[in-house]
Structure formats: C-alpha cells, structure tokens
PDB file of N, CA and C in Angstrom:
ATOM      1  N   MET A   1      11.118  -0.263   0.678  1.00  0.00           N
ATOM      2  CA  MET A   1      10.476  -0.260   1.996  1.00  0.00           C
ATOM      3  C   MET A   1      11.137  -0.475   3.320  1.00  0.00           C
ATOM      4  N   ARG A   2      11.293   0.030   4.479  1.00  0.00           N
ATOM      5  CA  ARG A   2      11.649  -1.198   4.958  1.00  0.00           C
ATOM      6  C   ARG A   2      10.257  -1.944   6.186  1.00  0.00           C
ATOM      7  N   VAL A   3      10.509  -3.174   6.253  1.00  0.00           N
ATOM      8  CA  VAL A   3       9.221  -4.144   6.799  1.00  0.00           C
ATOM      9  C   VAL A   3      10.312  -4.553   9.126  1.00  0.00           C
ATOM     10  N   SER A   4       8.868  -4.050   9.518  1.00  0.00           N
ATOM     11  CA  SER A   4       9.932  -3.758  10.759  1.00  0.00           C
ATOM     12  C   SER A   4       8.536  -5.588  11.340  1.00  0.00           C
ATOM     13  N   ILE A   5       9.862  -5.879  12.435  1.00  0.00           N
ATOM     14  CA  ILE A   5       9.907  -7.346  12.916  1.00  0.00           C
ATOM     15  C   ILE A   5       8.923  -6.382  14.288  1.00  0.00           C
ATOM     16  N   MET A   6       8.577  -5.120  14.170  1.00  0.00           N
ATOM     17  CA  MET A   6       7.408  -5.155  16.126  1.00  0.00           C
ATOM     18  C   MET A   6       6.059  -5.273  15.501  1.00  0.00           C
ATOM     19  N   GLY A   7       5.500  -5.485  14.324  1.00  0.00           N
ATOM     20  CA  GLY A   7       4.196  -4.990  13.489  1.00  0.00           C
ATOM     21  C   GLY A   7       3.947  -4.702  12.712  1.00  0.00           C
ATOM     22  N   PHE A   8       4.971  -3.818  13.131  1.00  0.00           N
ATOM     23  CA  PHE A   8       4.326  -3.101  11.565  1.00  0.00           C
ATOM     24  C   PHE A   8       4.094  -2.819   9.890  1.00  0.00           C
ATOM     25  N   ASP A   9       4.688  -4.837   9.904  1.00  0.00           N
ATOM     26  CA  ASP A   9       4.957  -4.855   8.584  1.00  0.00           C
ATOM     27  C   ASP A   9       3.355  -4.515   8.136  1.00  0.00           C
ATOM     28  N   SER A  10       2.803  -5.575   8.966  1.00  0.00           N
ATOM     29  CA  SER A  10       1.138  -5.822   8.360  1.00  0.00           C
ATOM     30  C   SER A  10       0.465  -4.262   7.992  1.00  0.00           C
ATOM     31  N   ALA A  11       0.950  -2.454   8.625  1.00  0.00           N
ATOM     32  CA  ALA A  11       0.520  -1.764   8.928  1.00  0.00           C
ATOM     33  C   ALA A  11       0.879  -1.232   7.351  1.00  0.00           C
ATOM     34  N   THR A  12       2.482  -1.269   6.757  1.00  0.00           N
ATOM     35  CA  THR A  12       2.830  -1.062   5.596  1.00  0.00           C
ATOM     36  C   THR A  12       2.661  -1.511   4.666  1.00  0.00           C
ATOM     37  N   GLU A  13       1.894  -3.160   4.696  1.00  0.00           N
ATOM     38  CA  GLU A  13       1.512  -4.314   4.028  1.00  0.00           C
ATOM     39  C   GLU A  13       0.184  -3.247   3.179  1.00  0.00           C
ATOM     40  N   LEU A  14      -0.371  -3.341   4.557  1.00  0.00           N
ATOM     41  CA  LEU A  14      -2.290  -2.555   4.332  1.00  0.00           C
ATOM     42  C   LEU A  14      -2.060  -0.974   3.097  1.00  0.00           C
ATOM     43  N   SER A  15      -1.079  -0.477   3.236  1.00  0.00           N
ATOM     44  CA  SER A  15      -0.363   1.388   2.487  1.00  0.00           C
ATOM     45  C   SER A  15      -0.899   0.665   1.733  1.00  0.00           C
ATOM     46  N   ILE A  16       0.811  -0.399   1.367  1.00  0.00           N
ATOM     47  CA  ILE A  16       0.650  -0.513   0.281  1.00  0.00           C
ATOM     48  C   ILE A  16      -0.347  -0.863  -1.030  1.00  0.00           C
ATOM     49  N   GLU A  17      -1.091  -1.717  -0.475  1.00  0.00           N
ATOM     50  CA  GLU A  17      -2.807  -2.560  -1.115  1.00  0.00           C
ATOM     51  C   GLU A  17      -3.241  -0.580  -1.409  1.00  0.00           C
ATOM     52  N   HIS A  18      -3.100  -0.194   0.022  1.00  0.00           N
ATOM     53  CA  HIS A  18      -4.156   1.445  -0.540  1.00  0.00           C
ATOM     54  C   HIS A  18      -3.197   2.438  -1.339  1.00  0.00           C
ATOM     55  N   CYS A  19      -2.295   2.465  -1.666  1.00  0.00           N
ATOM     56  CA  CYS A  19      -1.599   3.108  -2.847  1.00  0.00           C
ATOM     57  C   CYS A  19      -1.354   2.537  -4.042  1.00  0.00           C
ATOM     58  N   LYS A  20      -1.548   1.165  -3.293  1.00  0.00           N
ATOM     59  CA  LYS A  20      -2.430   0.362  -5.440  1.00  0.00           C
ATOM     60  C   LYS A  20      -3.459  -0.011  -5.858  1.00  0.00           C
ATOM     61  N   SER A  21      -4.520   0.708  -4.821  1.00  0.00           N
ATOM     62  CA  SER A  21      -6.349   1.154  -4.818  1.00  0.00           C
ATOM     63  C   SER A  21      -6.273   2.279  -5.451  1.00  0.00           C
ATOM     64  N   ILE A  22      -5.002   3.521  -5.289  1.00  0.00           N
ATOM     65  CA  ILE A  22      -5.790   4.251  -5.716  1.00  0.00           C
ATOM     66  C   ILE A  22      -4.844   4.793  -6.900  1.00  0.00           C
ATOM     67  N   ILE A  23      -3.956   3.850  -7.364  1.00  0.00           N
ATOM     68  CA  ILE A  23      -2.771   3.844  -8.452  1.00  0.00           C
ATOM     69  C   ILE A  23      -3.785   3.747  -9.261  1.00  0.00           C
ATOM     70  N   GLU A  24      -4.557   2.366  -9.368  1.00  0.00           N
ATOM     71  CA  GLU A  24      -5.269   1.461 -10.632  1.00  0.00           C
ATOM     72  C   GLU A  24      -6.832   2.664 -10.664  1.00  0.00           C
ATOM     73  N   HIS A  25      -7.192   3.114  -9.660  1.00  0.00           N
ATOM     74  CA  HIS A  25      -8.105   4.343  -9.903  1.00  0.00           C
ATOM     75  C   HIS A  25      -7.702   5.547 -10.545  1.00  0.00           C
ATOM     76  N   ILE A  26      -6.617   6.232 -10.261  1.00  0.00           N
ATOM     77  CA  ILE A  26      -5.744   6.809 -11.122  1.00  0.00           C
ATOM     78  C   ILE A  26      -5.735   6.229 -13.254  1.00  0.00           C
ATOM     79  N   GLN A  27      -5.708   5.422 -12.816  1.00  0.00           N
ATOM     80  CA  GLN A  27      -5.200   4.397 -14.109  1.00  0.00           C
ATOM     81  C   GLN A  27      -6.474   4.979 -15.332  1.00  0.00           C
ATOM     82  N   LEU A  28      -7.800   4.027 -14.153  1.00  0.00           N
ATOM     83  CA  LEU A  28      -8.954   4.441 -14.528  1.00  0.00           C
ATOM     84  C   LEU A  28      -9.711   5.816 -15.114  1.00  0.00           C
ATOM     85  N   GLY A  29      -9.040   6.520 -14.157  1.00  0.00           N
ATOM     86  CA  GLY A  29      -9.985   8.096 -14.660  1.00  0.00           C
ATOM     87  C   GLY A  29      -8.958   8.444 -15.812  1.00  0.00           C
ATOM     88  N   LEU A  30      -7.461   8.545 -16.455  1.00  0.00           N
ATOM     89  CA  LEU A  30      -6.908   8.296 -17.319  1.00  0.00           C
ATOM     90  C   LEU A  30      -7.739   7.891 -18.554  1.00  0.00           C
TER      91      LEU A  30
END
C-alpha cells in the first residue's frame, strides 16, 4: 500500500485499522 507524504498516510492508517477490525469481527463470527 502506497503511503503519501501529502497527508494521506493518516487516512491510509485509519483504513488499515478499519480493515483489521472487520477481519477480526469476521473471524469471531466464524
């Protein structure tokens, strides 16, 4: 995943955390 210096890095980090939580919820559901 590309990290931008223009300030998008924080948004990317946020979406990564969001994906992680979604994956954890899916794993808990299984």
